[in-house]
PDB file of N, CA and C in Angstrom:
ATOM      1  N   MET A   1       0.840  -1.171   0.000  1.00  0.00           N
ATOM      2  CA  MET A   1       0.000   0.000   0.000  1.00  0.00           C
ATOM      3  C   MET A   1       0.890   1.241   0.000  1.00  0.00           C
ATOM      4  N   ALA A   2       0.562   2.211  -0.768  1.00  0.00           N
ATOM      5  CA  ALA A   2       1.344   3.449  -0.843  1.00  0.00           C
ATOM      6  C   ALA A   2       0.681   4.519   0.011  1.00  0.00           C
ATOM      7  N   TYR A   3       1.489   5.282   0.693  1.00  0.00           N
ATOM      8  CA  TYR A   3       1.009   6.378   1.517  1.00  0.00           C
ATOM      9  C   TYR A   3       1.489   7.677   0.904  1.00  0.00           C
ATOM     10  N   LYS A   4       0.575   8.616   0.724  1.00  0.00           N
ATOM     11  CA  LYS A   4       0.956   9.897   0.133  1.00  0.00           C
ATOM     12  C   LYS A   4       1.026  10.982   1.183  1.00  0.00           C
ATOM     13  N   ASP A   5       2.057  11.797   1.071  1.00  0.00           N
ATOM     14  CA  ASP A   5       2.235  12.967   1.911  1.00  0.00           C
ATOM     15  C   ASP A   5       2.329  14.148   0.956  1.00  0.00           C
ATOM     16  N   GLY A   6       1.211  14.738   0.635  1.00  0.00           N
ATOM     17  CA  GLY A   6       1.211  15.797  -0.375  1.00  0.00           C
ATOM     18  C   GLY A   6       1.382  15.170  -1.749  1.00  0.00           C
ATOM     19  N   GLU A   7       2.393  15.586  -2.495  1.00  0.00           N
ATOM     20  CA  GLU A   7       2.637  15.079  -3.840  1.00  0.00           C
ATOM     21  C   GLU A   7       3.636  13.926  -3.868  1.00  0.00           C
ATOM     22  N   ASP A   8       4.267  13.611  -2.728  1.00  0.00           N
ATOM     23  CA  ASP A   8       5.313  12.597  -2.698  1.00  0.00           C
ATOM     24  C   ASP A   8       4.840  11.353  -1.955  1.00  0.00           C
ATOM     25  N   PHE A   9       5.255  10.188  -2.440  1.00  0.00           N
ATOM     26  CA  PHE A   9       5.008   8.962  -1.707  1.00  0.00           C
ATOM     27  C   PHE A   9       6.029   8.878  -0.584  1.00  0.00           C
ATOM     28  N   THR A  10       5.549   8.596   0.618  1.00  0.00           N
ATOM     29  CA  THR A  10       6.466   8.507   1.749  1.00  0.00           C
ATOM     30  C   THR A  10       6.990   7.095   1.925  1.00  0.00           C
ATOM     31  N   THR A  11       6.182   6.107   1.625  1.00  0.00           N
ATOM     32  CA  THR A  11       6.613   4.715   1.719  1.00  0.00           C
ATOM     33  C   THR A  11       5.685   3.879   0.850  1.00  0.00           C
ATOM     34  N   TYR A  12       6.173   2.777   0.374  1.00  0.00           N
ATOM     35  CA  TYR A  12       5.360   1.908  -0.458  1.00  0.00           C
ATOM     36  C   TYR A  12       4.912   0.670   0.302  1.00  0.00           C
ATOM     37  N   CYS A  13       5.677   0.275   1.291  1.00  0.00           N
ATOM     38  CA  CYS A  13       5.414  -0.966   2.000  1.00  0.00           C
ATOM     39  C   CYS A  13       5.866  -0.812   3.450  1.00  0.00           C
ATOM     40  N   ASP A  14       5.177  -1.493   4.355  1.00  0.00           N
ATOM     41  CA  ASP A  14       5.547  -1.419   5.763  1.00  0.00           C
ATOM     42  C   ASP A  14       6.716  -2.323   6.118  1.00  0.00           C
ATOM     43  N   LYS A  15       7.154  -3.191   5.207  1.00  0.00           N
ATOM     44  CA  LYS A  15       8.267  -4.096   5.472  1.00  0.00           C
ATOM     45  C   LYS A  15       9.588  -3.345   5.367  1.00  0.00           C
ATOM     46  N   GLU A  16      10.646  -3.915   5.961  1.00  0.00           N
ATOM     47  CA  GLU A  16      11.962  -3.290   5.908  1.00  0.00           C
ATOM     48  C   GLU A  16      12.451  -3.167   4.467  1.00  0.00           C
ATOM     49  N   TYR A  17      13.142  -2.066   4.166  1.00  0.00           N
ATOM     50  CA  TYR A  17      13.666  -1.828   2.829  1.00  0.00           C
ATOM     51  C   TYR A  17      15.138  -2.186   2.703  1.00  0.00           C
ATOM     52  N   ASP A  18      15.810  -2.466   3.808  1.00  0.00           N
ATOM     53  CA  ASP A  18      17.241  -2.703   3.786  1.00  0.00           C
ATOM     54  C   ASP A  18      17.628  -4.022   3.142  1.00  0.00           C
ATOM     55  N   ARG A  19      16.700  -4.741   2.585  1.00  0.00           N
ATOM     56  CA  ARG A  19      16.996  -6.026   1.957  1.00  0.00           C
ATOM     57  C   ARG A  19      17.328  -5.862   0.478  1.00  0.00           C
ATOM     58  N   HIS A  20      17.363  -4.639   0.010  1.00  0.00           N
ATOM     59  CA  HIS A  20      17.615  -4.377  -1.397  1.00  0.00           C
ATOM     60  C   HIS A  20      18.764  -3.391  -1.552  1.00  0.00           C
ATOM     61  N   THR A  21      19.207  -3.260  -2.767  1.00  0.00           N
ATOM     62  CA  THR A  21      20.156  -2.224  -3.145  1.00  0.00           C
ATOM     63  C   THR A  21      19.399  -1.267  -4.060  1.00  0.00           C
ATOM     64  N   TYR A  22      19.689   0.016  -3.943  1.00  0.00           N
ATOM     65  CA  TYR A  22      18.945   1.031  -4.676  1.00  0.00           C
ATOM     66  C   TYR A  22      19.892   1.859  -5.532  1.00  0.00           C
ATOM     67  N   LYS A  23      19.407   2.252  -6.688  1.00  0.00           N
ATOM     68  CA  LYS A  23      20.166   3.128  -7.570  1.00  0.00           C
ATOM     69  C   LYS A  23      19.379   4.423  -7.730  1.00  0.00           C
ATOM     70  N   LEU A  24      19.985   5.517  -7.305  1.00  0.00           N
ATOM     71  CA  LEU A  24      19.400   6.837  -7.479  1.00  0.00           C
ATOM     72  C   LEU A  24      19.977   7.413  -8.765  1.00  0.00           C
ATOM     73  N   VAL A  25      19.126   7.602  -9.766  1.00  0.00           N
ATOM     74  CA  VAL A  25      19.562   8.101 -11.072  1.00  0.00           C
ATOM     75  C   VAL A  25      19.258   9.593 -11.147  1.00  0.00           C
ATOM     76  N   LEU A  26      20.286  10.352 -11.443  1.00  0.00           N
ATOM     77  CA  LEU A  26      20.147  11.803 -11.553  1.00  0.00           C
ATOM     78  C   LEU A  26      19.789  12.202 -12.982  1.00  0.00           C
ATOM     79  N   LYS A  27      19.260  13.393 -13.153  1.00  0.00           N
ATOM     80  CA  LYS A  27      18.876  13.887 -14.477  1.00  0.00           C
ATOM     81  C   LYS A  27      20.067  13.985 -15.419  1.00  0.00           C
ATOM     82  N   SER A  28      21.266  14.099 -14.870  1.00  0.00           N
ATOM     83  CA  SER A  28      22.479  14.173 -15.683  1.00  0.00           C
ATOM     84  C   SER A  28      22.865  12.811 -16.255  1.00  0.00           C
ATOM     85  N   GLY A  29      22.205  11.746 -15.763  1.00  0.00           N
ATOM     86  CA  GLY A  29      22.528  10.394 -16.207  1.00  0.00           C
ATOM     87  C   GLY A  29      23.443   9.656 -15.242  1.00  0.00           C
ATOM     88  N   LYS A  30      24.058  10.380 -14.322  1.00  0.00           N
ATOM     89  CA  LYS A  30      24.897   9.735 -13.310  1.00  0.00           C
ATOM     90  C   LYS A  30      24.000   8.997 -12.326  1.00  0.00           C
ATOM     91  N   ALA A  31      24.573   7.985 -11.673  1.00  0.00           N
ATOM     92  CA  ALA A  31      23.810   7.195 -10.713  1.00  0.00           C
ATOM     93  C   ALA A  31      24.633   6.937  -9.470  1.00  0.00           C
ATOM     94  N   VAL A  32      23.954   6.836  -8.337  1.00  0.00           N
ATOM     95  CA  VAL A  32      24.585   6.545  -7.061  1.00  0.00           C
ATOM     96  C   VAL A  32      23.881   5.324  -6.482  1.00  0.00           C
ATOM     97  N   ILE A  33      24.662   4.352  -5.995  1.00  0.00           N
ATOM     98  CA  ILE A  33      24.119   3.124  -5.424  1.00  0.00           C
ATOM     99  C   ILE A  33      24.065   3.260  -3.905  1.00  0.00           C
ATOM    100  N   PHE A  34      22.961   2.834  -3.316  1.00  0.00           N
ATOM    101  CA  PHE A  34      22.772   2.871  -1.870  1.00  0.00           C
ATOM    102  C   PHE A  34      22.391   1.489  -1.366  1.00  0.00           C
ATOM    103  N   GLU A  35      22.961   1.094  -0.235  1.00  0.00           N
ATOM    104  CA  GLU A  35      22.628  -0.164   0.421  1.00  0.00           C
ATOM    105  C   GLU A  35      21.515   0.028   1.447  1.00  0.00           C
ATOM    106  N   ASP A  36      21.327   1.254   1.895  1.00  0.00           N
ATOM    107  CA  ASP A  36      20.392   1.555   2.979  1.00  0.00           C
ATOM    108  C   ASP A  36      19.277   2.463   2.478  1.00  0.00           C
ATOM    109  N   TYR A  37      18.029   2.069   2.701  1.00  0.00           N
ATOM    110  CA  TYR A  37      16.883   2.828   2.225  1.00  0.00           C
ATOM    111  C   TYR A  37      16.818   4.221   2.848  1.00  0.00           C
ATOM    112  N   GLU A  38      17.046   4.322   4.154  1.00  0.00           N
ATOM    113  CA  GLU A  38      16.965   5.618   4.825  1.00  0.00           C
ATOM    114  C   GLU A  38      17.994   6.595   4.268  1.00  0.00           C
ATOM    115  N   ASN A  39      19.180   6.114   3.982  1.00  0.00           N
ATOM    116  CA  ASN A  39      20.221   6.944   3.384  1.00  0.00           C
ATOM    117  C   ASN A  39      19.808   7.388   1.975  1.00  0.00           C
ATOM    118  N   LEU A  40      19.222   6.476   1.221  1.00  0.00           N
ATOM    119  CA  LEU A  40      18.716   6.796  -0.118  1.00  0.00           C
ATOM    120  C   LEU A  40      17.697   7.926  -0.062  1.00  0.00           C
ATOM    121  N   ILE A  41      16.710   7.796   0.817  1.00  0.00           N
ATOM    122  CA  ILE A  41      15.654   8.806   0.916  1.00  0.00           C
ATOM    123  C   ILE A  41      16.224  10.159   1.354  1.00  0.00           C
ATOM    124  N   ALA A  42      17.180  10.140   2.277  1.00  0.00           N
ATOM    125  CA  ALA A  42      17.804  11.400   2.711  1.00  0.00           C
ATOM    126  C   ALA A  42      18.477  12.096   1.532  1.00  0.00           C
ATOM    127  N   HIS A  43      19.177  11.322   0.700  1.00  0.00           N
ATOM    128  CA  HIS A  43      19.832  11.906  -0.475  1.00  0.00           C
ATOM    129  C   HIS A  43      18.809  12.354  -1.522  1.00  0.00           C
ATOM    130  N   TRP A  44      17.730  11.593  -1.683  1.00  0.00           N
ATOM    131  CA  TRP A  44      16.663  11.975  -2.627  1.00  0.00           C
ATOM    132  C   TRP A  44      16.137  13.368  -2.274  1.00  0.00           C
ATOM    133  N   PHE A  45      15.816  13.597  -1.013  1.00  0.00           N
ATOM    134  CA  PHE A  45      15.268  14.893  -0.616  1.00  0.00           C
ATOM    135  C   PHE A  45      16.316  15.999  -0.701  1.00  0.00           C
ATOM    136  N   HIS A  46      17.569  15.681  -0.452  1.00  0.00           N
ATOM    137  CA  HIS A  46      18.634  16.684  -0.546  1.00  0.00           C
ATOM    138  C   HIS A  46      18.887  17.086  -2.006  1.00  0.00           C
ATOM    139  N   TRP A  47      18.875  16.096  -2.906  1.00  0.00           N
ATOM    140  CA  TRP A  47      19.175  16.334  -4.323  1.00  0.00           C
ATOM    141  C   TRP A  47      17.913  16.372  -5.195  1.00  0.00           C
ATOM    142  N   LYS A  48      16.739  16.483  -4.596  1.00  0.00           N
ATOM    143  CA  LYS A  48      15.459  16.322  -5.301  1.00  0.00           C
ATOM    144  C   LYS A  48      15.375  17.044  -6.659  1.00  0.00           C
ATOM    145  N   PRO A  49      15.810  18.284  -6.787  1.00  0.00           N
ATOM    146  CA  PRO A  49      15.708  18.945  -8.095  1.00  0.00           C
ATOM    147  C   PRO A  49      16.534  18.256  -9.185  1.00  0.00           C
ATOM    148  N   ASN A  50      17.564  17.503  -8.794  1.00  0.00           N
ATOM    149  CA  ASN A  50      18.444  16.847  -9.762  1.00  0.00           C
ATOM    150  C   ASN A  50      18.121  15.369  -9.968  1.00  0.00           C
ATOM    151  N   CYS A  51      17.153  14.839  -9.217  1.00  0.00           N
ATOM    152  CA  CYS A  51      16.839  13.403  -9.285  1.00  0.00           C
ATOM    153  C   CYS A  51      15.870  13.098 -10.408  1.00  0.00           C
ATOM    154  N   ASP A  52      16.104  11.972 -11.068  1.00  0.00           N
ATOM    155  CA  ASP A  52      15.193  11.510 -12.107  1.00  0.00           C
ATOM    156  C   ASP A  52      14.321  10.371 -11.588  1.00  0.00           C
ATOM    157  N   HIS A  53      14.955   9.306 -11.087  1.00  0.00           N
ATOM    158  CA  HIS A  53      14.188   8.182 -10.568  1.00  0.00           C
ATOM    159  C   HIS A  53      15.058   7.288  -9.692  1.00  0.00           C
ATOM    160  N   ILE A  54      14.406   6.335  -9.033  1.00  0.00           N
ATOM    161  CA  ILE A  54      15.085   5.347  -8.195  1.00  0.00           C
ATOM    162  C   ILE A  54      14.798   3.971  -8.767  1.00  0.00           C
ATOM    163  N   GLU A  55      15.843   3.163  -8.866  1.00  0.00           N
ATOM    164  CA  GLU A  55      15.678   1.772  -9.304  1.00  0.00           C
ATOM    165  C   GLU A  55      15.980   0.860  -8.122  1.00  0.00           C
ATOM    166  N   ILE A  56      15.150  -0.158  -7.947  1.00  0.00           N
ATOM    167  CA  ILE A  56      15.402  -1.170  -6.925  1.00  0.00           C
ATOM    168  C   ILE A  56      16.122  -2.311  -7.620  1.00  0.00           C
ATOM    169  N   LEU A  57      17.328  -2.603  -7.155  1.00  0.00           N
ATOM    170  CA  LEU A  57      18.155  -3.640  -7.779  1.00  0.00           C
ATOM    171  C   LEU A  57      17.933  -4.972  -7.069  1.00  0.00           C
ATOM    172  N   ASP A  58      18.146  -6.053  -7.779  1.00  0.00           N
ATOM    173  CA  ASP A  58      18.014  -7.389  -7.185  1.00  0.00           C
ATOM    174  C   ASP A  58      18.985  -7.537  -6.034  1.00  0.00           C
ATOM    175  N   ALA A  59      18.493  -8.127  -4.955  1.00  0.00           N
ATOM    176  CA  ALA A  59      19.362  -8.395  -3.804  1.00  0.00           C
ATOM    177  C   ALA A  59      20.324  -9.510  -4.167  1.00  0.00           C
ATOM    178  N   THR A  60      21.597  -9.306  -3.861  1.00  0.00           N
ATOM    179  CA  THR A  60      22.607 -10.317  -4.181  1.00  0.00           C
ATOM    180  C   THR A  60      23.221 -10.899  -2.925  1.00  0.00           C
ATOM    181  N   SER A  61      22.825 -10.394  -1.751  1.00  0.00           N
ATOM    182  CA  SER A  61      23.440 -10.839  -0.509  1.00  0.00           C
ATOM    183  C   SER A  61      22.751 -12.065   0.089  1.00  0.00           C
ATOM    184  N   GLY A  62      21.635 -12.505  -0.507  1.00  0.00           N
ATOM    185  CA  GLY A  62      20.936 -13.656   0.029  1.00  0.00           C
ATOM    186  C   GLY A  62      20.025 -13.327   1.192  1.00  0.00           C
ATOM    187  N   LYS A  63      19.809 -12.022   1.474  1.00  0.00           N
ATOM    188  CA  LYS A  63      18.962 -11.624   2.569  1.00  0.00           C
ATOM    189  C   LYS A  63      17.527 -11.370   2.116  1.00  0.00           C
ATOM    190  N   GLY A  64      17.191 -11.672   0.889  1.00  0.00           N
ATOM    191  CA  GLY A  64      15.868 -11.358   0.353  1.00  0.00           C
ATOM    192  C   GLY A  64      14.745 -12.014   1.108  1.00  0.00           C
ATOM    193  N   PHE A  65      13.546 -11.678   0.760  1.00  0.00           N
ATOM    194  CA  PHE A  65      12.368 -12.168   1.465  1.00  0.00           C
ATOM    195  C   PHE A  65      12.215 -13.646   1.341  1.00  0.00           C
TER     196      PHE A  65
END
């Protein structure tokens, strides 16, 4: 279930997000990889004008659901 806070989604699921790796893609085409969801979101809000999208990458550590 998605929860909206104004125009932005605050969370998509109540389960932990740290089981994935995330790629924050900037409008310039550069990308930054994050292991921690909270760190990703902090950077998203800091760089929001320059962000294009977030990709959820397949977990490779074996910690998946």
